[in-house]
Structures are given as C-alpha cells and as structure tokens.
Amino acid sequence: MSKKEDTEESLKPSLDNNESSQRLEAIKNLIFGENIQEIDQEFQLIKEHIEKRKLELESLIEITQKELNTAIDNLETDLNIRITDLDAKVDENVDDLNHRKMDRAALGNMLVTMGEKIMKG
C-alpha cells in the first residue's frame, strides 16, 4: 500500500465515526428533541426562579442588616442615657449622704450645746 492509500484508510474510520456521531445526534434530536426543549425550558424557569429568590434574599439580608444596625445604635444611645442617669443619681445620693452626715454632726453639736446649757442652768 502506498502512503496515500494508508492515509485514506486511516481517515475512513474517522469519517465513519464522525458521520455516525452526526447520525446518532440527529436520531436523538428526532426522538428526544421536544423533551429536551421542554427540559431546557424547565431548567431555565428553575434557574430564573432561583435567581429571583437569591435577589429577594439578598435584599432581605440588606434590610435586616440595616434594621439591626439601627437597633444597635438605638440601644447604644439608650444605654449611654441610662448610664449618665445612673451616674447622676449616684452623685446625688453621695451628696445626700454627705449632707446627712453633716446634719448628724450639726445635730450632735446642738445636743452637746443644749446639754451644756441644761447643766449650767
């Protein structure tokens, strides 16, 4: 055999395989063509549905995140106000206690003075 015949022989199975593949694909399209199109449409609908839900969830996550940040900011403000109020009340109570101690001291001094007057009198 010559090289030309060898080349033709080696291409022949390849052409046969390619032709067979094309025929098989054509038969598959004839038999399953409508079903494949329906399946492709269903997959496309499912894909669109998933994408829509994904966008909805992303939007919901964003809204929830904003609400949480607002709630945290409000809580922080409320806590700062309460802490400031508590500090003021503690300071007021400390001042009141100091005043009461001074009143007791003054009362004690008055009692001593009265006692001295009673003893003299």
PDB file of N, CA and C in Angstrom:
ATOM      1  N   MET A   1       0.827  -1.178   0.000  1.00  0.00           N
ATOM      2  CA  MET A   1       0.000   0.000   0.000  1.00  0.00           C
ATOM      3  C   MET A   1       0.871   1.241   0.000  1.00  0.00           C
ATOM      4  N   SER A   2       0.347   2.237  -0.657  1.00  0.00           N
ATOM      5  CA  SER A   2       1.088   3.486  -0.695  1.00  0.00           C
ATOM      6  C   SER A   2       0.677   4.348   0.492  1.00  0.00           C
ATOM      7  N   LYS A   3       1.406   5.418   0.665  1.00  0.00           N
ATOM      8  CA  LYS A   3       1.101   6.324   1.780  1.00  0.00           C
ATOM      9  C   LYS A   3      -0.276   6.959   1.605  1.00  0.00           C
ATOM     10  N   LYS A   4      -0.623   7.216   0.328  1.00  0.00           N
ATOM     11  CA  LYS A   4      -1.908   7.824   0.046  1.00  0.00           C
ATOM     12  C   LYS A   4      -3.043   6.890   0.446  1.00  0.00           C
ATOM     13  N   GLU A   5      -2.886   5.607   0.139  1.00  0.00           N
ATOM     14  CA  GLU A   5      -3.903   4.635   0.497  1.00  0.00           C
ATOM     15  C   GLU A   5      -3.992   4.485   2.004  1.00  0.00           C
ATOM     16  N   ASP A   6      -2.820   4.499   2.667  1.00  0.00           N
ATOM     17  CA  ASP A   6      -2.808   4.420   4.142  1.00  0.00           C
ATOM     18  C   ASP A   6      -3.553   5.601   4.765  1.00  0.00           C
ATOM     19  N   THR A   7      -3.326   6.776   4.218  1.00  0.00           N
ATOM     20  CA  THR A   7      -3.965   7.981   4.743  1.00  0.00           C
ATOM     21  C   THR A   7      -5.464   7.912   4.530  1.00  0.00           C
ATOM     22  N   GLU A   8      -5.863   7.473   3.342  1.00  0.00           N
ATOM     23  CA  GLU A   8      -7.286   7.352   3.055  1.00  0.00           C
ATOM     24  C   GLU A   8      -7.933   6.322   3.965  1.00  0.00           C
ATOM     25  N   GLU A   9      -7.248   5.221   4.193  1.00  0.00           N
ATOM     26  CA  GLU A   9      -7.776   4.175   5.064  1.00  0.00           C
ATOM     27  C   GLU A   9      -7.882   4.674   6.508  1.00  0.00           C
ATOM     28  N   SER A  10      -6.870   5.431   6.951  1.00  0.00           N
ATOM     29  CA  SER A  10      -6.906   5.928   8.330  1.00  0.00           C
ATOM     30  C   SER A  10      -7.987   6.992   8.510  1.00  0.00           C
ATOM     31  N   LEU A  11      -8.312   7.747   7.467  1.00  0.00           N
ATOM     32  CA  LEU A  11      -9.353   8.763   7.550  1.00  0.00           C
ATOM     33  C   LEU A  11     -10.741   8.158   7.461  1.00  0.00           C
ATOM     34  N   LYS A  12     -10.858   7.044   6.805  1.00  0.00           N
ATOM     35  CA  LYS A  12     -12.156   6.417   6.587  1.00  0.00           C
ATOM     36  C   LYS A  12     -12.863   6.064   7.901  1.00  0.00           C
ATOM     37  N   PRO A  13     -12.200   5.413   8.865  1.00  0.00           N
ATOM     38  CA  PRO A  13     -12.892   5.153  10.132  1.00  0.00           C
ATOM     39  C   PRO A  13     -13.247   6.448  10.855  1.00  0.00           C
ATOM     40  N   SER A  14     -12.378   7.441  10.731  1.00  0.00           N
ATOM     41  CA  SER A  14     -12.633   8.715  11.379  1.00  0.00           C
ATOM     42  C   SER A  14     -13.866   9.363  10.771  1.00  0.00           C
ATOM     43  N   LEU A  15     -13.970   9.337   9.462  1.00  0.00           N
ATOM     44  CA  LEU A  15     -15.144   9.890   8.804  1.00  0.00           C
ATOM     45  C   LEU A  15     -16.383   9.090   9.175  1.00  0.00           C
ATOM     46  N   ASP A  16     -16.216   7.771   9.241  1.00  0.00           N
ATOM     47  CA  ASP A  16     -17.335   6.923   9.620  1.00  0.00           C
ATOM     48  C   ASP A  16     -17.793   7.237  11.041  1.00  0.00           C
ATOM     49  N   ASN A  17     -16.830   7.434  11.945  1.00  0.00           N
ATOM     50  CA  ASN A  17     -17.170   7.761  13.342  1.00  0.00           C
ATOM     51  C   ASN A  17     -17.871   9.121  13.419  1.00  0.00           C
ATOM     52  N   ASN A  18     -17.356  10.072  12.675  1.00  0.00           N
ATOM     53  CA  ASN A  18     -17.933  11.411  12.688  1.00  0.00           C
ATOM     54  C   ASN A  18     -19.340  11.369  12.100  1.00  0.00           C
ATOM     55  N   GLU A  19     -19.481  10.652  11.006  1.00  0.00           N
ATOM     56  CA  GLU A  19     -20.786  10.516  10.362  1.00  0.00           C
ATOM     57  C   GLU A  19     -21.757   9.785  11.280  1.00  0.00           C
ATOM     58  N   SER A  20     -21.264   8.775  11.952  1.00  0.00           N
ATOM     59  CA  SER A  20     -22.103   8.026  12.897  1.00  0.00           C
ATOM     60  C   SER A  20     -22.545   8.921  14.043  1.00  0.00           C
ATOM     61  N   SER A  21     -21.639   9.744  14.533  1.00  0.00           N
ATOM     62  CA  SER A  21     -21.977  10.667  15.622  1.00  0.00           C
ATOM     63  C   SER A  21     -23.050  11.636  15.187  1.00  0.00           C
ATOM     64  N   GLN A  22     -22.909  12.140  13.956  1.00  0.00           N
ATOM     65  CA  GLN A  22     -23.908  13.079  13.450  1.00  0.00           C
ATOM     66  C   GLN A  22     -25.259  12.398  13.287  1.00  0.00           C
ATOM     67  N   ARG A  23     -25.233  11.169  12.774  1.00  0.00           N
ATOM     68  CA  ARG A  23     -26.492  10.435  12.607  1.00  0.00           C
ATOM     69  C   ARG A  23     -27.136  10.163  13.971  1.00  0.00           C
ATOM     70  N   LEU A  24     -26.292   9.746  14.923  1.00  0.00           N
ATOM     71  CA  LEU A  24     -26.796   9.464  16.271  1.00  0.00           C
ATOM     72  C   LEU A  24     -27.398  10.726  16.889  1.00  0.00           C
ATOM     73  N   GLU A  25     -26.723  11.840  16.725  1.00  0.00           N
ATOM     74  CA  GLU A  25     -27.225  13.115  17.255  1.00  0.00           C
ATOM     75  C   GLU A  25     -28.545  13.484  16.591  1.00  0.00           C
ATOM     76  N   ALA A  26     -28.646  13.260  15.265  1.00  0.00           N
ATOM     77  CA  ALA A  26     -29.879  13.562  14.541  1.00  0.00           C
ATOM     78  C   ALA A  26     -31.020  12.685  15.030  1.00  0.00           C
ATOM     79  N   ILE A  27     -30.747  11.393  15.231  1.00  0.00           N
ATOM     80  CA  ILE A  27     -31.774  10.471  15.731  1.00  0.00           C
ATOM     81  C   ILE A  27     -32.203  10.883  17.141  1.00  0.00           C
ATOM     82  N   LYS A  28     -31.220  11.226  17.978  1.00  0.00           N
ATOM     83  CA  LYS A  28     -31.507  11.654  19.352  1.00  0.00           C
ATOM     84  C   LYS A  28     -32.391  12.893  19.341  1.00  0.00           C
ATOM     85  N   ASN A  29     -32.097  13.849  18.461  1.00  0.00           N
ATOM     86  CA  ASN A  29     -32.910  15.060  18.370  1.00  0.00           C
ATOM     87  C   ASN A  29     -34.314  14.746  17.888  1.00  0.00           C
ATOM     88  N   LEU A  30     -34.425  13.782  16.948  1.00  0.00           N
ATOM     89  CA  LEU A  30     -35.752  13.405  16.467  1.00  0.00           C
ATOM     90  C   LEU A  30     -36.582  12.758  17.571  1.00  0.00           C
ATOM     91  N   ILE A  31     -35.944  11.872  18.314  1.00  0.00           N
ATOM     92  CA  ILE A  31     -36.668  11.145  19.363  1.00  0.00           C
ATOM     93  C   ILE A  31     -36.908  12.027  20.590  1.00  0.00           C
ATOM     94  N   PHE A  32     -35.855  12.690  21.042  1.00  0.00           N
ATOM     95  CA  PHE A  32     -35.937  13.426  22.310  1.00  0.00           C
ATOM     96  C   PHE A  32     -35.984  14.937  22.133  1.00  0.00           C
ATOM     97  N   GLY A  33     -36.018  15.410  20.915  1.00  0.00           N
ATOM     98  CA  GLY A  33     -35.929  16.850  20.654  1.00  0.00           C
ATOM     99  C   GLY A  33     -36.900  17.675  21.459  1.00  0.00           C
ATOM    100  N   GLU A  34     -38.190  17.340  21.409  1.00  0.00           N
ATOM    101  CA  GLU A  34     -39.187  18.099  22.143  1.00  0.00           C
ATOM    102  C   GLU A  34     -38.977  17.976  23.642  1.00  0.00           C
ATOM    103  N   ASN A  35     -38.671  16.768  24.094  1.00  0.00           N
ATOM    104  CA  ASN A  35     -38.444  16.561  25.531  1.00  0.00           C
ATOM    105  C   ASN A  35     -37.241  17.365  26.007  1.00  0.00           C
ATOM    106  N   ILE A  36     -36.191  17.372  25.211  1.00  0.00           N
ATOM    107  CA  ILE A  36     -35.000  18.124  25.609  1.00  0.00           C
ATOM    108  C   ILE A  36     -35.328  19.599  25.668  1.00  0.00           C
ATOM    109  N   GLN A  37     -36.110  20.098  24.703  1.00  0.00           N
ATOM    110  CA  GLN A  37     -36.500  21.507  24.724  1.00  0.00           C
ATOM    111  C   GLN A  37     -37.346  21.818  25.952  1.00  0.00           C
ATOM    112  N   GLU A  38     -38.269  20.920  26.276  1.00  0.00           N
ATOM    113  CA  GLU A  38     -39.103  21.113  27.466  1.00  0.00           C
ATOM    114  C   GLU A  38     -38.247  21.113  28.723  1.00  0.00           C
ATOM    115  N   ILE A  39     -37.330  20.173  28.775  1.00  0.00           N
ATOM    116  CA  ILE A  39     -36.442  20.092  29.943  1.00  0.00           C
ATOM    117  C   ILE A  39     -35.589  21.351  30.034  1.00  0.00           C
ATOM    118  N   ASP A  40     -35.060  21.803  28.893  1.00  0.00           N
ATOM    119  CA  ASP A  40     -34.267  23.037  28.889  1.00  0.00           C
ATOM    120  C   ASP A  40     -35.105  24.222  29.359  1.00  0.00           C
ATOM    121  N   GLN A  41     -36.372  24.283  28.919  1.00  0.00           N
ATOM    122  CA  GLN A  41     -37.251  25.373  29.358  1.00  0.00           C
ATOM    123  C   GLN A  41     -37.518  25.297  30.859  1.00  0.00           C
ATOM    124  N   GLU A  42     -37.747  24.083  31.340  1.00  0.00           N
ATOM    125  CA  GLU A  42     -37.985  23.905  32.777  1.00  0.00           C
ATOM    126  C   GLU A  42     -36.742  24.297  33.579  1.00  0.00           C
ATOM    127  N   PHE A  43     -35.576  23.876  33.106  1.00  0.00           N
ATOM    128  CA  PHE A  43     -34.337  24.259  33.787  1.00  0.00           C
ATOM    129  C   PHE A  43     -34.160  25.774  33.764  1.00  0.00           C
ATOM    130  N   GLN A  44     -34.489  26.387  32.651  1.00  0.00           N
ATOM    131  CA  GLN A  44     -34.376  27.843  32.549  1.00  0.00           C
ATOM    132  C   GLN A  44     -35.323  28.516  33.535  1.00  0.00           C
ATOM    133  N   LEU A  45     -36.564  28.009  33.636  1.00  0.00           N
ATOM    134  CA  LEU A  45     -37.521  28.564  34.592  1.00  0.00           C
ATOM    135  C   LEU A  45     -37.022  28.397  36.029  1.00  0.00           C
ATOM    136  N   ILE A  46     -36.497  27.212  36.302  1.00  0.00           N
ATOM    137  CA  ILE A  46     -35.963  26.955  37.652  1.00  0.00           C
ATOM    138  C   ILE A  46     -34.793  27.885  37.932  1.00  0.00           C
ATOM    139  N   LYS A  47     -33.932  28.041  36.957  1.00  0.00           N
ATOM    140  CA  LYS A  47     -32.774  28.923  37.109  1.00  0.00           C
ATOM    141  C   LYS A  47     -33.227  30.359  37.368  1.00  0.00           C
ATOM    142  N   GLU A  48     -34.225  30.834  36.606  1.00  0.00           N
ATOM    143  CA  GLU A  48     -34.756  32.185  36.812  1.00  0.00           C
ATOM    144  C   GLU A  48     -35.395  32.317  38.183  1.00  0.00           C
ATOM    145  N   HIS A  49     -36.124  31.283  38.599  1.00  0.00           N
ATOM    146  CA  HIS A  49     -36.770  31.291  39.918  1.00  0.00           C
ATOM    147  C   HIS A  49     -35.702  31.378  41.025  1.00  0.00           C
ATOM    148  N   ILE A  50     -34.663  30.591  40.888  1.00  0.00           N
ATOM    149  CA  ILE A  50     -33.579  30.599  41.894  1.00  0.00           C
ATOM    150  C   ILE A  50     -32.912  31.965  41.929  1.00  0.00           C
ATOM    151  N   GLU A  51     -32.664  32.539  40.764  1.00  0.00           N
ATOM    152  CA  GLU A  51     -32.026  33.860  40.703  1.00  0.00           C
ATOM    153  C   GLU A  51     -32.923  34.919  41.354  1.00  0.00           C
ATOM    154  N   LYS A  52     -34.238  34.838  41.087  1.00  0.00           N
ATOM    155  CA  LYS A  52     -35.186  35.774  41.693  1.00  0.00           C
ATOM    156  C   LYS A  52     -35.185  35.638  43.211  1.00  0.00           C
ATOM    157  N   ARG A  53     -35.230  34.404  43.697  1.00  0.00           N
ATOM    158  CA  ARG A  53     -35.203  34.160  45.153  1.00  0.00           C
ATOM    159  C   ARG A  53     -33.887  34.643  45.761  1.00  0.00           C
ATOM    160  N   LYS A  54     -32.809  34.440  45.041  1.00  0.00           N
ATOM    161  CA  LYS A  54     -31.499  34.887  45.523  1.00  0.00           C
ATOM    162  C   LYS A  54     -31.501  36.397  45.701  1.00  0.00           C
ATOM    163  N   LEU A  55     -32.017  37.130  44.708  1.00  0.00           N
ATOM    164  CA  LEU A  55     -32.092  38.582  44.801  1.00  0.00           C
ATOM    165  C   LEU A  55     -33.000  39.019  45.946  1.00  0.00           C
ATOM    166  N   GLU A  56     -34.126  38.315  46.119  1.00  0.00           N
ATOM    167  CA  GLU A  56     -35.034  38.631  47.224  1.00  0.00           C
ATOM    168  C   GLU A  56     -34.342  38.425  48.567  1.00  0.00           C
ATOM    169  N   LEU A  57     -33.616  37.309  48.692  1.00  0.00           N
ATOM    170  CA  LEU A  57     -32.916  37.020  49.946  1.00  0.00           C
ATOM    171  C   LEU A  57     -31.808  38.038  50.211  1.00  0.00           C
ATOM    172  N   GLU A  58     -31.086  38.420  49.158  1.00  0.00           N
ATOM    173  CA  GLU A  58     -30.035  39.420  49.333  1.00  0.00           C
ATOM    174  C   GLU A  58     -30.629  40.744  49.789  1.00  0.00           C
ATOM    175  N   SER A  59     -31.785  41.104  49.210  1.00  0.00           N
ATOM    176  CA  SER A  59     -32.468  42.333  49.606  1.00  0.00           C
ATOM    177  C   SER A  59     -32.933  42.241  51.058  1.00  0.00           C
ATOM    178  N   LEU A  60     -33.502  41.097  51.421  1.00  0.00           N
ATOM    179  CA  LEU A  60     -33.960  40.890  52.797  1.00  0.00           C
ATOM    180  C   LEU A  60     -32.793  40.943  53.783  1.00  0.00           C
ATOM    181  N   ILE A  61     -31.680  40.364  53.403  1.00  0.00           N
ATOM    182  CA  ILE A  61     -30.487  40.402  54.268  1.00  0.00           C
ATOM    183  C   ILE A  61     -30.020  41.842  54.450  1.00  0.00           C
ATOM    184  N   GLU A  62     -30.029  42.605  53.372  1.00  0.00           N
ATOM    185  CA  GLU A  62     -29.603  44.004  53.454  1.00  0.00           C
ATOM    186  C   GLU A  62     -30.531  44.813  54.357  1.00  0.00           C
ATOM    187  N   ILE A  63     -31.848  44.612  54.194  1.00  0.00           N
ATOM    188  CA  ILE A  63     -32.828  45.314  55.033  1.00  0.00           C
ATOM    189  C   ILE A  63     -32.643  44.923  56.500  1.00  0.00           C
ATOM    190  N   THR A  64     -32.490  43.631  56.753  1.00  0.00           N
ATOM    191  CA  THR A  64     -32.306  43.138  58.120  1.00  0.00           C
ATOM    192  C   THR A  64     -31.035  43.706  58.734  1.00  0.00           C
ATOM    193  N   GLN A  65     -29.977  43.766  57.932  1.00  0.00           N
ATOM    194  CA  GLN A  65     -28.714  44.314  58.430  1.00  0.00           C
ATOM    195  C   GLN A  65     -28.872  45.785  58.812  1.00  0.00           C
ATOM    196  N   LYS A  66     -29.587  46.560  57.976  1.00  0.00           N
ATOM    197  CA  LYS A  66     -29.823  47.970  58.291  1.00  0.00           C
ATOM    198  C   LYS A  66     -30.654  48.105  59.561  1.00  0.00           C
ATOM    199  N   GLU A  67     -31.698  47.265  59.693  1.00  0.00           N
ATOM    200  CA  GLU A  67     -32.541  47.309  60.891  1.00  0.00           C
ATOM    201  C   GLU A  67     -31.740  46.952  62.139  1.00  0.00           C
ATOM    202  N   LEU A  68     -30.880  45.944  62.025  1.00  0.00           N
ATOM    203  CA  LEU A  68     -30.046  45.557  63.171  1.00  0.00           C
ATOM    204  C   LEU A  68     -29.080  46.677  63.550  1.00  0.00           C
ATOM    205  N   ASN A  69     -28.478  47.314  62.558  1.00  0.00           N
ATOM    206  CA  ASN A  69     -27.565  48.418  62.848  1.00  0.00           C
ATOM    207  C   ASN A  69     -28.301  49.566  63.525  1.00  0.00           C
ATOM    208  N   THR A  70     -29.524  49.857  63.062  1.00  0.00           N
ATOM    209  CA  THR A  70     -30.325  50.910  63.688  1.00  0.00           C
ATOM    210  C   THR A  70     -30.680  50.527  65.124  1.00  0.00           C
ATOM    211  N   ALA A  71     -31.081  49.272  65.327  1.00  0.00           N
ATOM    212  CA  ALA A  71     -31.427  48.806  66.679  1.00  0.00           C
ATOM    213  C   ALA A  71     -30.212  48.885  67.606  1.00  0.00           C
ATOM    214  N   ILE A  72     -29.055  48.505  67.094  1.00  0.00           N
ATOM    215  CA  ILE A  72     -27.826  48.567  67.905  1.00  0.00           C
ATOM    216  C   ILE A  72     -27.500  50.017  68.257  1.00  0.00           C
ATOM    217  N   ASP A  73     -27.630  50.925  67.276  1.00  0.00           N
ATOM    218  CA  ASP A  73     -27.375  52.347  67.539  1.00  0.00           C
ATOM    219  C   ASP A  73     -28.351  52.888  68.583  1.00  0.00           C
ATOM    220  N   ASN A  74     -29.633  52.522  68.455  1.00  0.00           N
ATOM    221  CA  ASN A  74     -30.627  52.971  69.430  1.00  0.00           C
ATOM    222  C   ASN A  74     -30.336  52.422  70.820  1.00  0.00           C
ATOM    223  N   LEU A  75     -29.953  51.154  70.872  1.00  0.00           N
ATOM    224  CA  LEU A  75     -29.620  50.538  72.156  1.00  0.00           C
ATOM    225  C   LEU A  75     -28.405  51.214  72.786  1.00  0.00           C
ATOM    226  N   GLU A  76     -27.421  51.514  71.965  1.00  0.00           N
ATOM    227  CA  GLU A  76     -26.220  52.187  72.464  1.00  0.00           C
ATOM    228  C   GLU A  76     -26.571  53.559  73.027  1.00  0.00           C
ATOM    229  N   THR A  77     -27.418  54.293  72.305  1.00  0.00           N
ATOM    230  CA  THR A  77     -27.850  55.611  72.778  1.00  0.00           C
ATOM    231  C   THR A  77     -28.623  55.482  74.093  1.00  0.00           C
ATOM    232  N   ASP A  78     -29.542  54.518  74.143  1.00  0.00           N
ATOM    233  CA  ASP A  78     -30.340  54.291  75.353  1.00  0.00           C
ATOM    234  C   ASP A  78     -29.438  53.929  76.540  1.00  0.00           C
ATOM    235  N   LEU A  79     -28.470  53.045  76.294  1.00  0.00           N
ATOM    236  CA  LEU A  79     -27.560  52.661  77.376  1.00  0.00           C
ATOM    237  C   LEU A  79     -26.727  53.847  77.855  1.00  0.00           C
ATOM    238  N   ASN A  80     -26.267  54.672  76.922  1.00  0.00           N
ATOM    239  CA  ASN A  80     -25.488  55.852  77.321  1.00  0.00           C
ATOM    240  C   ASN A  80     -26.330  56.801  78.167  1.00  0.00           C
ATOM    241  N   ILE A  81     -27.615  56.982  77.785  1.00  0.00           N
ATOM    242  CA  ILE A  81     -28.507  57.832  78.570  1.00  0.00           C
ATOM    243  C   ILE A  81     -28.709  57.243  79.966  1.00  0.00           C
ATOM    244  N   ARG A  82     -28.951  55.942  80.030  1.00  0.00           N
ATOM    245  CA  ARG A  82     -29.168  55.294  81.333  1.00  0.00           C
ATOM    246  C   ARG A  82     -27.921  55.368  82.212  1.00  0.00           C
ATOM    247  N   ILE A  83     -26.762  55.170  81.614  1.00  0.00           N
ATOM    248  CA  ILE A  83     -25.513  55.261  82.386  1.00  0.00           C
ATOM    249  C   ILE A  83     -25.319  56.676  82.916  1.00  0.00           C
ATOM    250  N   THR A  84     -25.611  57.662  82.073  1.00  0.00           N
ATOM    251  CA  THR A  84     -25.498  59.062  82.506  1.00  0.00           C
ATOM    252  C   THR A  84     -26.477  59.335  83.650  1.00  0.00           C
ATOM    253  N   ASP A  85     -27.718  58.826  83.508  1.00  0.00           N
ATOM    254  CA  ASP A  85     -28.713  58.992  84.585  1.00  0.00           C
ATOM    255  C   ASP A  85     -28.254  58.312  85.874  1.00  0.00           C
ATOM    256  N   LEU A  86     -27.719  57.102  85.748  1.00  0.00           N
ATOM    257  CA  LEU A  86     -27.225  56.391  86.935  1.00  0.00           C
ATOM    258  C   LEU A  86     -26.078  57.143  87.597  1.00  0.00           C
ATOM    259  N   ASP A  87     -25.171  57.675  86.788  1.00  0.00           N
ATOM    260  CA  ASP A  87     -24.073  58.463  87.354  1.00  0.00           C
ATOM    261  C   ASP A  87     -24.606  59.667  88.124  1.00  0.00           C
ATOM    262  N   ALA A  88     -25.613  60.321  87.528  1.00  0.00           N
ATOM    263  CA  ALA A  88     -26.204  61.489  88.189  1.00  0.00           C
ATOM    264  C   ALA A  88     -26.875  61.088  89.499  1.00  0.00           C
ATOM    265  N   LYS A  89     -27.598  59.972  89.503  1.00  0.00           N
ATOM    266  CA  LYS A  89     -28.270  59.501  90.723  1.00  0.00           C
ATOM    267  C   LYS A  89     -27.256  59.104  91.795  1.00  0.00           C
ATOM    268  N   VAL A  90     -26.185  58.444  91.380  1.00  0.00           N
ATOM    269  CA  VAL A  90     -25.152  58.068  92.346  1.00  0.00           C
ATOM    270  C   VAL A  90     -24.531  59.316  92.960  1.00  0.00           C
ATOM    271  N   ASP A  91     -24.221  60.298  92.100  1.00  0.00           N
ATOM    272  CA  ASP A  91     -23.648  61.549  92.610  1.00  0.00           C
ATOM    273  C   ASP A  91     -24.627  62.240  93.569  1.00  0.00           C
ATOM    274  N   GLU A  92     -25.914  62.239  93.199  1.00  0.00           N
ATOM    275  CA  GLU A  92     -26.940  62.846  94.048  1.00  0.00           C
ATOM    276  C   GLU A  92     -27.023  62.125  95.394  1.00  0.00           C
ATOM    277  N   ASN A  93     -27.001  60.785  95.363  1.00  0.00           N
ATOM    278  CA  ASN A  93     -27.072  60.016  96.612  1.00  0.00           C
ATOM    279  C   ASN A  93     -25.834  60.227  97.474  1.00  0.00           C
ATOM    280  N   VAL A  94     -24.679  60.323  96.850  1.00  0.00           N
ATOM    281  CA  VAL A  94     -23.452  60.576  97.616  1.00  0.00           C
ATOM    282  C   VAL A  94     -23.531  61.953  98.266  1.00  0.00           C
ATOM    283  N   ASP A  95     -23.992  62.943  97.495  1.00  0.00           N
ATOM    284  CA  ASP A  95     -24.152  64.287  98.072  1.00  0.00           C
ATOM    285  C   ASP A  95     -25.154  64.275  99.219  1.00  0.00           C
ATOM    286  N   ASP A  96     -26.270  63.529  99.048  1.00  0.00           N
ATOM    287  CA  ASP A  96     -27.288  63.426 100.089  1.00  0.00           C
ATOM    288  C   ASP A  96     -26.704  62.785 101.349  1.00  0.00           C
ATOM    289  N   LEU A  97     -25.923  61.714 101.150  1.00  0.00           N
ATOM    290  CA  LEU A  97     -25.300  61.064 102.312  1.00  0.00           C
ATOM    291  C   LEU A  97     -24.327  62.007 103.015  1.00  0.00           C
ATOM    292  N   ASN A  98     -23.563  62.732 102.232  1.00  0.00           N
ATOM    293  CA  ASN A  98     -22.628  63.695 102.840  1.00  0.00           C
ATOM    294  C   ASN A  98     -23.400  64.758 103.614  1.00  0.00           C
ATOM    295  N   HIS A  99     -24.526  65.208 103.055  1.00  0.00           N
ATOM    296  CA  HIS A  99     -25.341  66.213 103.735  1.00  0.00           C
ATOM    297  C   HIS A  99     -25.920  65.648 105.033  1.00  0.00           C
ATOM    298  N   ARG A 100     -26.391  64.397 104.980  1.00  0.00           N
ATOM    299  CA  ARG A 100     -26.948  63.778 106.180  1.00  0.00           C
ATOM    300  C   ARG A 100     -25.880  63.645 107.263  1.00  0.00           C
ATOM    301  N   LYS A 101     -24.663  63.289 106.855  1.00  0.00           N
ATOM    302  CA  LYS A 101     -23.588  63.189 107.848  1.00  0.00           C
ATOM    303  C   LYS A 101     -23.324  64.545 108.474  1.00  0.00           C
ATOM    304  N   MET A 102     -23.359  65.597 107.662  1.00  0.00           N
ATOM    305  CA  MET A 102     -23.140  66.926 108.214  1.00  0.00           C
ATOM    306  C   MET A 102     -24.295  67.304 109.135  1.00  0.00           C
ATOM    307  N   ASP A 103     -25.495  66.906 108.786  1.00  0.00           N
ATOM    308  CA  ASP A 103     -26.641  67.184 109.636  1.00  0.00           C
ATOM    309  C   ASP A 103     -26.485  66.457 110.967  1.00  0.00           C
ATOM    310  N   ARG A 104     -26.006  65.247 110.936  1.00  0.00           N
ATOM    311  CA  ARG A 104     -25.797  64.496 112.181  1.00  0.00           C
ATOM    312  C   ARG A 104     -24.739  65.175 113.040  1.00  0.00           C
ATOM    313  N   ALA A 105     -23.702  65.620 112.353  1.00  0.00           N
ATOM    314  CA  ALA A 105     -22.662  66.329 113.112  1.00  0.00           C
ATOM    315  C   ALA A 105     -23.226  67.608 113.713  1.00  0.00           C
ATOM    316  N   ALA A 106     -23.998  68.311 112.920  1.00  0.00           N
ATOM    317  CA  ALA A 106     -24.609  69.561 113.433  1.00  0.00           C
ATOM    318  C   ALA A 106     -25.563  69.241 114.571  1.00  0.00           C
ATOM    319  N   LEU A 107     -26.353  68.159 114.410  1.00  0.00           N
ATOM    320  CA  LEU A 107     -27.283  67.744 115.453  1.00  0.00           C
ATOM    321  C   LEU A 107     -26.523  67.379 116.732  1.00  0.00           C
ATOM    322  N   GLY A 108     -25.443  66.666 116.543  1.00  0.00           N
ATOM    323  CA  GLY A 108     -24.625  66.303 117.712  1.00  0.00           C
ATOM    324  C   GLY A 108     -24.093  67.529 118.422  1.00  0.00           C
ATOM    325  N   ASN A 109     -23.625  68.482 117.656  1.00  0.00           N
ATOM    326  CA  ASN A 109     -23.124  69.726 118.261  1.00  0.00           C
ATOM    327  C   ASN A 109     -24.237  70.472 118.985  1.00  0.00           C
ATOM    328  N   MET A 110     -25.444  70.495 118.380  1.00  0.00           N
ATOM    329  CA  MET A 110     -26.572  71.156 119.032  1.00  0.00           C
ATOM    330  C   MET A 110     -26.920  70.458 120.339  1.00  0.00           C
ATOM    331  N   LEU A 111     -26.907  69.098 120.312  1.00  0.00           N
ATOM    332  CA  LEU A 111     -27.228  68.352 121.530  1.00  0.00           C
ATOM    333  C   LEU A 111     -26.184  68.626 122.616  1.00  0.00           C
ATOM    334  N   VAL A 112     -24.938  68.697 122.254  1.00  0.00           N
ATOM    335  CA  VAL A 112     -23.895  68.993 123.219  1.00  0.00           C
ATOM    336  C   VAL A 112     -24.097  70.400 123.803  1.00  0.00           C
ATOM    337  N   THR A 113     -24.393  71.341 122.909  1.00  0.00           N
ATOM    338  CA  THR A 113     -24.617  72.723 123.364  1.00  0.00           C
ATOM    339  C   THR A 113     -25.830  72.783 124.300  1.00  0.00           C
ATOM    340  N   MET A 114     -26.904  72.079 123.907  1.00  0.00           N
ATOM    341  CA  MET A 114     -28.093  72.061 124.752  1.00  0.00           C
ATOM    342  C   MET A 114     -27.799  71.385 126.106  1.00  0.00           C
ATOM    343  N   GLY A 115     -27.030  70.307 126.039  1.00  0.00           N
ATOM    344  CA  GLY A 115     -26.652  69.647 127.278  1.00  0.00           C
ATOM    345  C   GLY A 115     -25.850  70.557 128.191  1.00  0.00           C
ATOM    346  N   GLU A 116     -24.949  71.321 127.616  1.00  0.00           N
ATOM    347  CA  GLU A 116     -24.140  72.251 128.420  1.00  0.00           C
ATOM    348  C   GLU A 116     -25.031  73.341 129.039  1.00  0.00           C
ATOM    349  N   LYS A 117     -25.990  73.818 128.230  1.00  0.00           N
ATOM    350  CA  LYS A 117     -26.903  74.853 128.737  1.00  0.00           C
ATOM    351  C   LYS A 117     -27.762  74.316 129.873  1.00  0.00           C
ATOM    352  N   ILE A 118     -28.219  73.048 129.725  1.00  0.00           N
ATOM    353  CA  ILE A 118     -29.044  72.435 130.759  1.00  0.00           C
ATOM    354  C   ILE A 118     -28.218  72.288 132.032  1.00  0.00           C
ATOM    355  N   MET A 119     -26.998  71.914 131.899  1.00  0.00           N
ATOM    356  CA  MET A 119     -26.146  71.698 133.058  1.00  0.00           C
ATOM    357  C   MET A 119     -25.839  73.027 133.769  1.00  0.00           C
ATOM    358  N   LYS A 120     -25.755  74.101 133.038  1.00  0.00           N
ATOM    359  CA  LYS A 120     -25.460  75.409 133.610  1.00  0.00           C
ATOM    360  C   LYS A 120     -26.727  76.007 134.246  1.00  0.00           C
ATOM    361  N   GLY A 121     -27.781  75.690 133.707  1.00  0.00           N
ATOM    362  CA  GLY A 121     -28.969  76.362 134.031  1.00  0.00           C
ATOM    363  C   GLY A 121     -29.776  75.930 135.136  1.00  0.00           C
TER     364      GLY A 121
END
